[in-house]
Amino acid sequence: GRLSLNPLVHMDPLGTVAIPLLAVLTGFPFLIGYAKP
């Protein structure tokens, strides 16, 4: 089901939500994160 441009298909709760938010709130040098491989 990955042949899609729908972000929900590719989102990973940790890599697409939690880690990027933490990076922003802590002032990390880069906005880091990822989707499901």
PDB file of all heavy atoms in Angstrom:
ATOM      1  N   GLY A   1       0.791  -1.231   0.000  1.00  0.00           N
ATOM      2  CA  GLY A   1       0.000   0.000   0.000  1.00  0.00           C
ATOM      3  C   GLY A   1       0.819   1.274   0.000  1.00  0.00           C
ATOM      4  O   GLY A   1       0.326   2.339   0.392  1.00  0.00           O
ATOM      5  N   ARG A   2       2.065   1.206  -0.486  1.00  0.00           N
ATOM      6  CA  ARG A   2       2.946   2.371  -0.435  1.00  0.00           C
ATOM      7  C   ARG A   2       2.982   3.173  -1.727  1.00  0.00           C
ATOM      8  O   ARG A   2       3.697   4.174  -1.795  1.00  0.00           O
ATOM      9  CB  ARG A   2       4.368   1.925  -0.067  1.00  0.00           C
ATOM     10  CG  ARG A   2       4.471   1.186   1.255  1.00  0.00           C
ATOM     11  CD  ARG A   2       3.965   2.009   2.443  1.00  0.00           C
ATOM     12  NE  ARG A   2       4.766   3.196   2.655  1.00  0.00           N
ATOM     13  CZ  ARG A   2       5.919   3.210   3.316  1.00  0.00           C
ATOM     14  NH1 ARG A   2       6.395   2.091   3.839  1.00  0.00           N
ATOM     15  NH2 ARG A   2       6.584   4.341   3.480  1.00  0.00           N
ATOM     16  N   LEU A   3       2.236   2.742  -2.746  1.00  0.00           N
ATOM     17  CA  LEU A   3       2.161   3.533  -3.980  1.00  0.00           C
ATOM     18  C   LEU A   3       1.128   4.638  -3.782  1.00  0.00           C
ATOM     19  O   LEU A   3       0.022   4.594  -4.313  1.00  0.00           O
ATOM     20  CB  LEU A   3       1.778   2.645  -5.167  1.00  0.00           C
ATOM     21  CG  LEU A   3       2.855   1.743  -5.752  1.00  0.00           C
ATOM     22  CD1 LEU A   3       2.302   0.947  -6.922  1.00  0.00           C
ATOM     23  CD2 LEU A   3       4.055   2.575  -6.207  1.00  0.00           C
ATOM     24  N   SER A   4       1.509   5.647  -3.024  1.00  0.00           N
ATOM     25  CA  SER A   4       0.561   6.694  -2.666  1.00  0.00           C
ATOM     26  C   SER A   4       1.311   7.973  -2.313  1.00  0.00           C
ATOM     27  O   SER A   4       2.443   7.929  -1.805  1.00  0.00           O
ATOM     28  CB  SER A   4      -0.292   6.245  -1.471  1.00  0.00           C
ATOM     29  OG  SER A   4      -1.124   7.293  -1.023  1.00  0.00           O
ATOM     30  N   LEU A   5       0.651   9.115  -2.571  1.00  0.00           N
ATOM     31  CA  LEU A   5       1.174  10.407  -2.141  1.00  0.00           C
ATOM     32  C   LEU A   5       0.453  10.893  -0.888  1.00  0.00           C
ATOM     33  O   LEU A   5       0.609  12.050  -0.490  1.00  0.00           O
ATOM     34  CB  LEU A   5       1.021  11.439  -3.273  1.00  0.00           C
ATOM     35  CG  LEU A   5       1.790  11.133  -4.556  1.00  0.00           C
ATOM     36  CD1 LEU A   5       1.552  12.216  -5.596  1.00  0.00           C
ATOM     37  CD2 LEU A   5       3.289  10.991  -4.274  1.00  0.00           C
ATOM     38  N   ASN A   6      -0.304  10.009  -0.269  1.00  0.00           N
ATOM     39  CA  ASN A   6      -0.998  10.332   0.976  1.00  0.00           C
ATOM     40  C   ASN A   6      -0.007  10.227   2.133  1.00  0.00           C
ATOM     41  O   ASN A   6       0.519   9.144   2.408  1.00  0.00           O
ATOM     42  CB  ASN A   6      -2.157   9.356   1.185  1.00  0.00           C
ATOM     43  CG  ASN A   6      -2.919   9.619   2.468  1.00  0.00           C
ATOM     44  OD1 ASN A   6      -2.564  10.482   3.266  1.00  0.00           O
ATOM     45  ND2 ASN A   6      -3.985   8.867   2.677  1.00  0.00           N
ATOM     46  N   PRO A   7       0.285  11.319   2.845  1.00  0.00           N
ATOM     47  CA  PRO A   7       1.261  11.269   3.945  1.00  0.00           C
ATOM     48  C   PRO A   7       0.922  10.234   5.013  1.00  0.00           C
ATOM     49  O   PRO A   7       1.823   9.656   5.623  1.00  0.00           O
ATOM     50  CB  PRO A   7       1.212  12.687   4.533  1.00  0.00           C
ATOM     51  CG  PRO A   7       0.704  13.547   3.418  1.00  0.00           C
ATOM     52  CD  PRO A   7      -0.240  12.679   2.638  1.00  0.00           C
ATOM     53  N   LEU A   8      -0.373   9.976   5.230  1.00  0.00           N
ATOM     54  CA  LEU A   8      -0.774   9.033   6.268  1.00  0.00           C
ATOM     55  C   LEU A   8      -0.276   7.620   5.979  1.00  0.00           C
ATOM     56  O   LEU A   8      -0.039   6.834   6.898  1.00  0.00           O
ATOM     57  CB  LEU A   8      -2.297   9.027   6.421  1.00  0.00           C
ATOM     58  CG  LEU A   8      -2.922  10.337   6.909  1.00  0.00           C
ATOM     59  CD1 LEU A   8      -4.446  10.215   6.934  1.00  0.00           C
ATOM     60  CD2 LEU A   8      -2.398  10.716   8.284  1.00  0.00           C
ATOM     61  N   VAL A   9      -0.112   7.312   4.698  1.00  0.00           N
ATOM     62  CA  VAL A   9       0.368   5.982   4.297  1.00  0.00           C
ATOM     63  C   VAL A   9       1.823   5.782   4.715  1.00  0.00           C
ATOM     64  O   VAL A   9       2.249   4.668   5.023  1.00  0.00           O
ATOM     65  CB  VAL A   9       0.208   5.798   2.780  1.00  0.00           C
ATOM     66  CG1 VAL A   9       0.914   4.541   2.301  1.00  0.00           C
ATOM     67  CG2 VAL A   9      -1.266   5.754   2.403  1.00  0.00           C
ATOM     68  N   HIS A  10       2.577   6.860   4.726  1.00  0.00           N
ATOM     69  CA  HIS A  10       4.018   6.775   4.960  1.00  0.00           C
ATOM     70  C   HIS A  10       4.437   7.183   6.373  1.00  0.00           C
ATOM     71  O   HIS A  10       5.598   7.005   6.747  1.00  0.00           O
ATOM     72  CB  HIS A  10       4.751   7.659   3.942  1.00  0.00           C
ATOM     73  CG  HIS A  10       4.443   7.329   2.522  1.00  0.00           C
ATOM     74  ND1 HIS A  10       4.959   6.214   1.884  1.00  0.00           N
ATOM     75  CD2 HIS A  10       3.647   7.947   1.604  1.00  0.00           C
ATOM     76  CE1 HIS A  10       4.512   6.175   0.631  1.00  0.00           C
ATOM     77  NE2 HIS A  10       3.714   7.200   0.439  1.00  0.00           N
ATOM     78  N   MET A  11       3.518   7.731   7.154  1.00  0.00           N
ATOM     79  CA  MET A  11       3.868   8.254   8.472  1.00  0.00           C
ATOM     80  C   MET A  11       4.279   7.154   9.449  1.00  0.00           C
ATOM     81  O   MET A  11       3.718   6.067   9.446  1.00  0.00           O
ATOM     82  CB  MET A  11       2.690   9.044   9.067  1.00  0.00           C
ATOM     83  CG  MET A  11       2.504  10.421   8.483  1.00  0.00           C
ATOM     84  SD  MET A  11       1.107  11.300   9.228  1.00  0.00           S
ATOM     85  CE  MET A  11       1.686  11.469  10.921  1.00  0.00           C
ATOM     86  N   ASP A  12       5.249   7.500  10.277  1.00  0.00           N
ATOM     87  CA  ASP A  12       5.652   6.654  11.392  1.00  0.00           C
ATOM     88  C   ASP A  12       5.461   7.488  12.662  1.00  0.00           C
ATOM     89  O   ASP A  12       5.982   8.617  12.735  1.00  0.00           O
ATOM     90  CB  ASP A  12       7.120   6.251  11.240  1.00  0.00           C
ATOM     91  CG  ASP A  12       7.622   5.445  12.415  1.00  0.00           C
ATOM     92  OD1 ASP A  12       7.504   4.215  12.363  1.00  0.00           O
ATOM     93  OD2 ASP A  12       8.134   6.049  13.384  1.00  0.00           O
ATOM     94  N   PRO A  13       4.715   7.001  13.657  1.00  0.00           N
ATOM     95  CA  PRO A  13       4.420   7.823  14.842  1.00  0.00           C
ATOM     96  C   PRO A  13       5.668   8.390  15.511  1.00  0.00           C
ATOM     97  O   PRO A  13       5.669   9.546  15.949  1.00  0.00           O
ATOM     98  CB  PRO A  13       3.678   6.844  15.766  1.00  0.00           C
ATOM     99  CG  PRO A  13       3.069   5.840  14.844  1.00  0.00           C
ATOM    100  CD  PRO A  13       4.055   5.679  13.721  1.00  0.00           C
ATOM    101  N   LEU A  14       6.715   7.595  15.570  1.00  0.00           N
ATOM    102  CA  LEU A  14       7.947   8.065  16.204  1.00  0.00           C
ATOM    103  C   LEU A  14       8.736   8.990  15.288  1.00  0.00           C
ATOM    104  O   LEU A  14       9.065  10.121  15.646  1.00  0.00           O
ATOM    105  CB  LEU A  14       8.812   6.862  16.612  1.00  0.00           C
ATOM    106  CG  LEU A  14      10.137   7.185  17.314  1.00  0.00           C
ATOM    107  CD1 LEU A  14       9.885   7.890  18.643  1.00  0.00           C
ATOM    108  CD2 LEU A  14      10.953   5.910  17.523  1.00  0.00           C
ATOM    109  N   GLY A  15       9.028   8.501  14.074  1.00  0.00           N
ATOM    110  CA  GLY A  15       9.912   9.238  13.176  1.00  0.00           C
ATOM    111  C   GLY A  15       9.288  10.446  12.515  1.00  0.00           C
ATOM    112  O   GLY A  15       9.989  11.404  12.173  1.00  0.00           O
ATOM    113  N   THR A  16       7.968  10.430  12.306  1.00  0.00           N
ATOM    114  CA  THR A  16       7.303  11.526  11.591  1.00  0.00           C
ATOM    115  C   THR A  16       6.632  12.520  12.525  1.00  0.00           C
ATOM    116  O   THR A  16       6.292  13.621  12.107  1.00  0.00           O
ATOM    117  CB  THR A  16       6.258  10.956  10.603  1.00  0.00           C
ATOM    118  OG1 THR A  16       6.810   9.832   9.915  1.00  0.00           O
ATOM    119  CG2 THR A  16       5.846  11.988   9.573  1.00  0.00           C
ATOM    120  N   VAL A  17       6.454  12.150  13.778  1.00  0.00           N
ATOM    121  CA  VAL A  17       5.765  13.037  14.720  1.00  0.00           C
ATOM    122  C   VAL A  17       6.630  13.337  15.945  1.00  0.00           C
ATOM    123  O   VAL A  17       7.033  14.485  16.168  1.00  0.00           O
ATOM    124  CB  VAL A  17       4.411  12.428  15.177  1.00  0.00           C
ATOM    125  CG1 VAL A  17       3.713  13.372  16.159  1.00  0.00           C
ATOM    126  CG2 VAL A  17       3.515  12.138  13.980  1.00  0.00           C
ATOM    127  N   ALA A  18       6.947  12.315  16.731  1.00  0.00           N
ATOM    128  CA  ALA A  18       7.598  12.534  18.021  1.00  0.00           C
ATOM    129  C   ALA A  18       9.016  13.115  17.886  1.00  0.00           C
ATOM    130  O   ALA A  18       9.348  14.127  18.529  1.00  0.00           O
ATOM    131  CB  ALA A  18       7.634  11.226  18.809  1.00  0.00           C
ATOM    132  N   ILE A  19       9.848  12.491  17.051  1.00  0.00           N
ATOM    133  CA  ILE A  19      11.242  12.940  16.928  1.00  0.00           C
ATOM    134  C   ILE A  19      11.345  14.345  16.333  1.00  0.00           C
ATOM    135  O   ILE A  19      12.093  15.185  16.866  1.00  0.00           O
ATOM    136  CB  ILE A  19      12.069  11.921  16.117  1.00  0.00           C
ATOM    137  CG1 ILE A  19      12.259  10.644  16.942  1.00  0.00           C
ATOM    138  CG2 ILE A  19      13.425  12.500  15.720  1.00  0.00           C
ATOM    139  CD1 ILE A  19      13.012   9.541  16.220  1.00  0.00           C
ATOM    140  N   PRO A  20      10.612  14.678  15.252  1.00  0.00           N
ATOM    141  CA  PRO A  20      10.680  16.049  14.737  1.00  0.00           C
ATOM    142  C   PRO A  20      10.224  17.090  15.755  1.00  0.00           C
ATOM    143  O   PRO A  20      10.838  18.158  15.877  1.00  0.00           O
ATOM    144  CB  PRO A  20       9.746  16.022  13.521  1.00  0.00           C
ATOM    145  CG  PRO A  20       9.729  14.602  13.096  1.00  0.00           C
ATOM    146  CD  PRO A  20       9.833  13.800  14.358  1.00  0.00           C
ATOM    147  N   LEU A  21       9.144  16.806  16.503  1.00  0.00           N
ATOM    148  CA  LEU A  21       8.683  17.748  17.529  1.00  0.00           C
ATOM    149  C   LEU A  21       9.741  17.943  18.606  1.00  0.00           C
ATOM    150  O   LEU A  21      10.010  19.072  19.042  1.00  0.00           O
ATOM    151  CB  LEU A  21       7.382  17.245  18.159  1.00  0.00           C
ATOM    152  CG  LEU A  21       6.109  17.437  17.339  1.00  0.00           C
ATOM    153  CD1 LEU A  21       4.920  16.778  18.039  1.00  0.00           C
ATOM    154  CD2 LEU A  21       5.820  18.921  17.100  1.00  0.00           C
ATOM    155  N   LEU A  22      10.365  16.857  19.015  1.00  0.00           N
ATOM    156  CA  LEU A  22      11.414  16.948  20.023  1.00  0.00           C
ATOM    157  C   LEU A  22      12.596  17.756  19.509  1.00  0.00           C
ATOM    158  O   LEU A  22      13.187  18.562  20.248  1.00  0.00           O
ATOM    159  CB  LEU A  22      11.869  15.537  20.422  1.00  0.00           C
ATOM    160  CG  LEU A  22      12.917  15.443  21.544  1.00  0.00           C
ATOM    161  CD1 LEU A  22      12.345  15.997  22.842  1.00  0.00           C
ATOM    162  CD2 LEU A  22      13.365  13.992  21.733  1.00  0.00           C
ATOM    163  N   ALA A  23      12.945  17.566  18.232  1.00  0.00           N
ATOM    164  CA  ALA A  23      14.064  18.304  17.634  1.00  0.00           C
ATOM    165  C   ALA A  23      13.785  19.800  17.632  1.00  0.00           C
ATOM    166  O   ALA A  23      14.658  20.622  17.936  1.00  0.00           O
ATOM    167  CB  ALA A  23      14.316  17.805  16.215  1.00  0.00           C
ATOM    168  N   VAL A  24      12.546  20.192  17.300  1.00  0.00           N
ATOM    169  CA  VAL A  24      12.177  21.611  17.277  1.00  0.00           C
ATOM    170  C   VAL A  24      12.202  22.195  18.685  1.00  0.00           C
ATOM    171  O   VAL A  24      12.764  23.272  18.927  1.00  0.00           O
ATOM    172  CB  VAL A  24      10.782  21.802  16.642  1.00  0.00           C
ATOM    173  CG1 VAL A  24      10.320  23.252  16.796  1.00  0.00           C
ATOM    174  CG2 VAL A  24      10.801  21.410  15.175  1.00  0.00           C
ATOM    175  N   LEU A  25      11.595  21.501  19.623  1.00  0.00           N
ATOM    176  CA  LEU A  25      11.462  22.017  20.985  1.00  0.00           C
ATOM    177  C   LEU A  25      12.800  22.111  21.709  1.00  0.00           C
ATOM    178  O   LEU A  25      12.977  22.959  22.594  1.00  0.00           O
ATOM    179  CB  LEU A  25      10.493  21.145  21.781  1.00  0.00           C
ATOM    180  CG  LEU A  25       9.030  21.174  21.303  1.00  0.00           C
ATOM    181  CD1 LEU A  25       8.193  20.167  22.082  1.00  0.00           C
ATOM    182  CD2 LEU A  25       8.449  22.581  21.430  1.00  0.00           C
ATOM    183  N   THR A  26      13.753  21.253  21.334  1.00  0.00           N
ATOM    184  CA  THR A  26      15.058  21.269  22.003  1.00  0.00           C
ATOM    185  C   THR A  26      16.098  22.082  21.242  1.00  0.00           C
ATOM    186  O   THR A  26      17.239  22.208  21.704  1.00  0.00           O
ATOM    187  CB  THR A  26      15.585  19.837  22.194  1.00  0.00           C
ATOM    188  OG1 THR A  26      15.688  19.189  20.913  1.00  0.00           O
ATOM    189  CG2 THR A  26      14.653  19.035  23.102  1.00  0.00           C
ATOM    190  N   GLY A  27      15.731  22.626  20.078  1.00  0.00           N
ATOM    191  CA  GLY A  27      16.674  23.430  19.307  1.00  0.00           C
ATOM    192  C   GLY A  27      17.781  22.623  18.666  1.00  0.00           C
ATOM    193  O   GLY A  27      18.897  23.112  18.474  1.00  0.00           O
ATOM    194  N   PHE A  28      17.484  21.368  18.282  1.00  0.00           N
ATOM    195  CA  PHE A  28      18.470  20.511  17.624  1.00  0.00           C
ATOM    196  C   PHE A  28      18.921  21.177  16.324  1.00  0.00           C
ATOM    197  O   PHE A  28      18.131  21.868  15.671  1.00  0.00           O
ATOM    198  CB  PHE A  28      17.848  19.146  17.339  1.00  0.00           C
ATOM    199  CG  PHE A  28      18.829  18.065  17.076  1.00  0.00           C
ATOM    200  CD1 PHE A  28      19.554  17.506  18.105  1.00  0.00           C
ATOM    201  CD2 PHE A  28      19.048  17.583  15.778  1.00  0.00           C
ATOM    202  CE1 PHE A  28      20.485  16.489  17.875  1.00  0.00           C
ATOM    203  CE2 PHE A  28      19.971  16.584  15.532  1.00  0.00           C
ATOM    204  CZ  PHE A  28      20.687  16.032  16.580  1.00  0.00           C
ATOM    205  N   PRO A  29      20.201  21.019  15.935  1.00  0.00           N
ATOM    206  CA  PRO A  29      20.710  21.713  14.741  1.00  0.00           C
ATOM    207  C   PRO A  29      19.926  21.444  13.464  1.00  0.00           C
ATOM    208  O   PRO A  29      19.882  22.274  12.565  1.00  0.00           O
ATOM    209  CB  PRO A  29      22.143  21.170  14.619  1.00  0.00           C
ATOM    210  CG  PRO A  29      22.507  20.754  15.994  1.00  0.00           C
ATOM    211  CD  PRO A  29      21.247  20.268  16.626  1.00  0.00           C
ATOM    212  N   PHE A  30      19.324  20.250  13.346  1.00  0.00           N
ATOM    213  CA  PHE A  30      18.541  19.901  12.174  1.00  0.00           C
ATOM    214  C   PHE A  30      17.173  19.407  12.606  1.00  0.00           C
ATOM    215  O   PHE A  30      17.011  18.883  13.705  1.00  0.00           O
ATOM    216  CB  PHE A  30      19.202  18.782  11.355  1.00  0.00           C
ATOM    217  CG  PHE A  30      20.560  19.111  10.842  1.00  0.00           C
ATOM    218  CD1 PHE A  30      21.680  18.562  11.434  1.00  0.00           C
ATOM    219  CD2 PHE A  30      20.723  19.951   9.771  1.00  0.00           C
ATOM    220  CE1 PHE A  30      22.944  18.843  10.961  1.00  0.00           C
ATOM    221  CE2 PHE A  30      21.979  20.238   9.286  1.00  0.00           C
ATOM    222  CZ  PHE A  30      23.101  19.687   9.896  1.00  0.00           C
ATOM    223  N   LEU A  31      16.192  19.588  11.727  1.00  0.00           N
ATOM    224  CA  LEU A  31      14.912  18.925  11.947  1.00  0.00           C
ATOM    225  C   LEU A  31      15.079  17.493  11.450  1.00  0.00           C
ATOM    226  O   LEU A  31      15.154  17.246  10.251  1.00  0.00           O
ATOM    227  CB  LEU A  31      13.785  19.614  11.181  1.00  0.00           C
ATOM    228  CG  LEU A  31      12.408  18.963  11.349  1.00  0.00           C
ATOM    229  CD1 LEU A  31      11.969  19.000  12.812  1.00  0.00           C
ATOM    230  CD2 LEU A  31      11.370  19.652  10.478  1.00  0.00           C
ATOM    231  N   ILE A  32      15.188  16.571  12.369  1.00  0.00           N
ATOM    232  CA  ILE A  32      15.407  15.183  12.000  1.00  0.00           C
ATOM    233  C   ILE A  32      14.100  14.409  12.084  1.00  0.00           C
ATOM    234  O   ILE A  32      13.193  14.772  12.826  1.00  0.00           O
ATOM    235  CB  ILE A  32      16.482  14.520  12.884  1.00  0.00           C
ATOM    236  CG1 ILE A  32      16.088  14.623  14.365  1.00  0.00           C
ATOM    237  CG2 ILE A  32      17.840  15.147  12.647  1.00  0.00           C
ATOM    238  CD1 ILE A  32      17.020  13.872  15.296  1.00  0.00           C
ATOM    239  N   GLY A  33      14.014  13.369  11.316  1.00  0.00           N
ATOM    240  CA  GLY A  33      12.823  12.538  11.314  1.00  0.00           C
ATOM    241  C   GLY A  33      12.816  11.645  10.094  1.00  0.00           C
ATOM    242  O   GLY A  33      13.713  11.719   9.248  1.00  0.00           O
ATOM    243  N   TYR A  34      11.807  10.804  10.004  1.00  0.00           N
ATOM    244  CA  TYR A  34      11.745   9.865   8.893  1.00  0.00           C
ATOM    245  C   TYR A  34      10.331   9.317   8.766  1.00  0.00           C
ATOM    246  O   TYR A  34       9.503   9.458   9.678  1.00  0.00           O
ATOM    247  CB  TYR A  34      12.719   8.704   9.110  1.00  0.00           C
ATOM    248  CG  TYR A  34      12.536   7.985  10.430  1.00  0.00           C
ATOM    249  CD1 TYR A  34      11.635   6.927  10.570  1.00  0.00           C
ATOM    250  CD2 TYR A  34      13.266   8.365  11.559  1.00  0.00           C
ATOM    251  CE1 TYR A  34      11.456   6.275  11.779  1.00  0.00           C
ATOM    252  CE2 TYR A  34      13.100   7.712  12.775  1.00  0.00           C
ATOM    253  CZ  TYR A  34      12.195   6.677  12.885  1.00  0.00           C
ATOM    254  OH  TYR A  34      12.018   6.038  14.076  1.00  0.00           O
ATOM    255  N   ALA A  35      10.064   8.722   7.637  1.00  0.00           N
ATOM    256  CA  ALA A  35       8.812   8.000   7.423  1.00  0.00           C
ATOM    257  C   ALA A  35       9.113   6.502   7.455  1.00  0.00           C
ATOM    258  O   ALA A  35      10.273   6.094   7.587  1.00  0.00           O
ATOM    259  CB  ALA A  35       8.196   8.392   6.077  1.00  0.00           C
ATOM    260  N   LYS A  36       8.076   5.692   7.349  1.00  0.00           N
ATOM    261  CA  LYS A  36       8.292   4.247   7.300  1.00  0.00           C
ATOM    262  C   LYS A  36       9.071   3.899   6.031  1.00  0.00           C
ATOM    263  O   LYS A  36       8.685   4.312   4.935  1.00  0.00           O
ATOM    264  CB  LYS A  36       6.952   3.507   7.295  1.00  0.00           C
ATOM    265  CG  LYS A  36       6.177   3.586   8.583  1.00  0.00           C
ATOM    266  CD  LYS A  36       4.920   2.738   8.532  1.00  0.00           C
ATOM    267  CE  LYS A  36       3.931   3.269   7.499  1.00  0.00           C
ATOM    268  NZ  LYS A  36       2.650   2.507   7.515  1.00  0.00           N
ATOM    269  N   PRO A  37      10.171   3.166   6.166  1.00  0.00           N
ATOM    270  CA  PRO A  37      10.924   2.789   4.964  1.00  0.00           C
ATOM    271  C   PRO A  37      10.073   1.911   4.033  1.00  0.00           C
ATOM    272  O   PRO A  37       9.275   1.090   4.498  1.00  0.00           O
ATOM    273  CB  PRO A  37      12.104   1.984   5.523  1.00  0.00           C
ATOM    274  CG  PRO A  37      12.201   2.381   6.959  1.00  0.00           C
ATOM    275  CD  PRO A  37      10.806   2.683   7.398  1.00  0.00           C
TER     276      PRO A  37
END
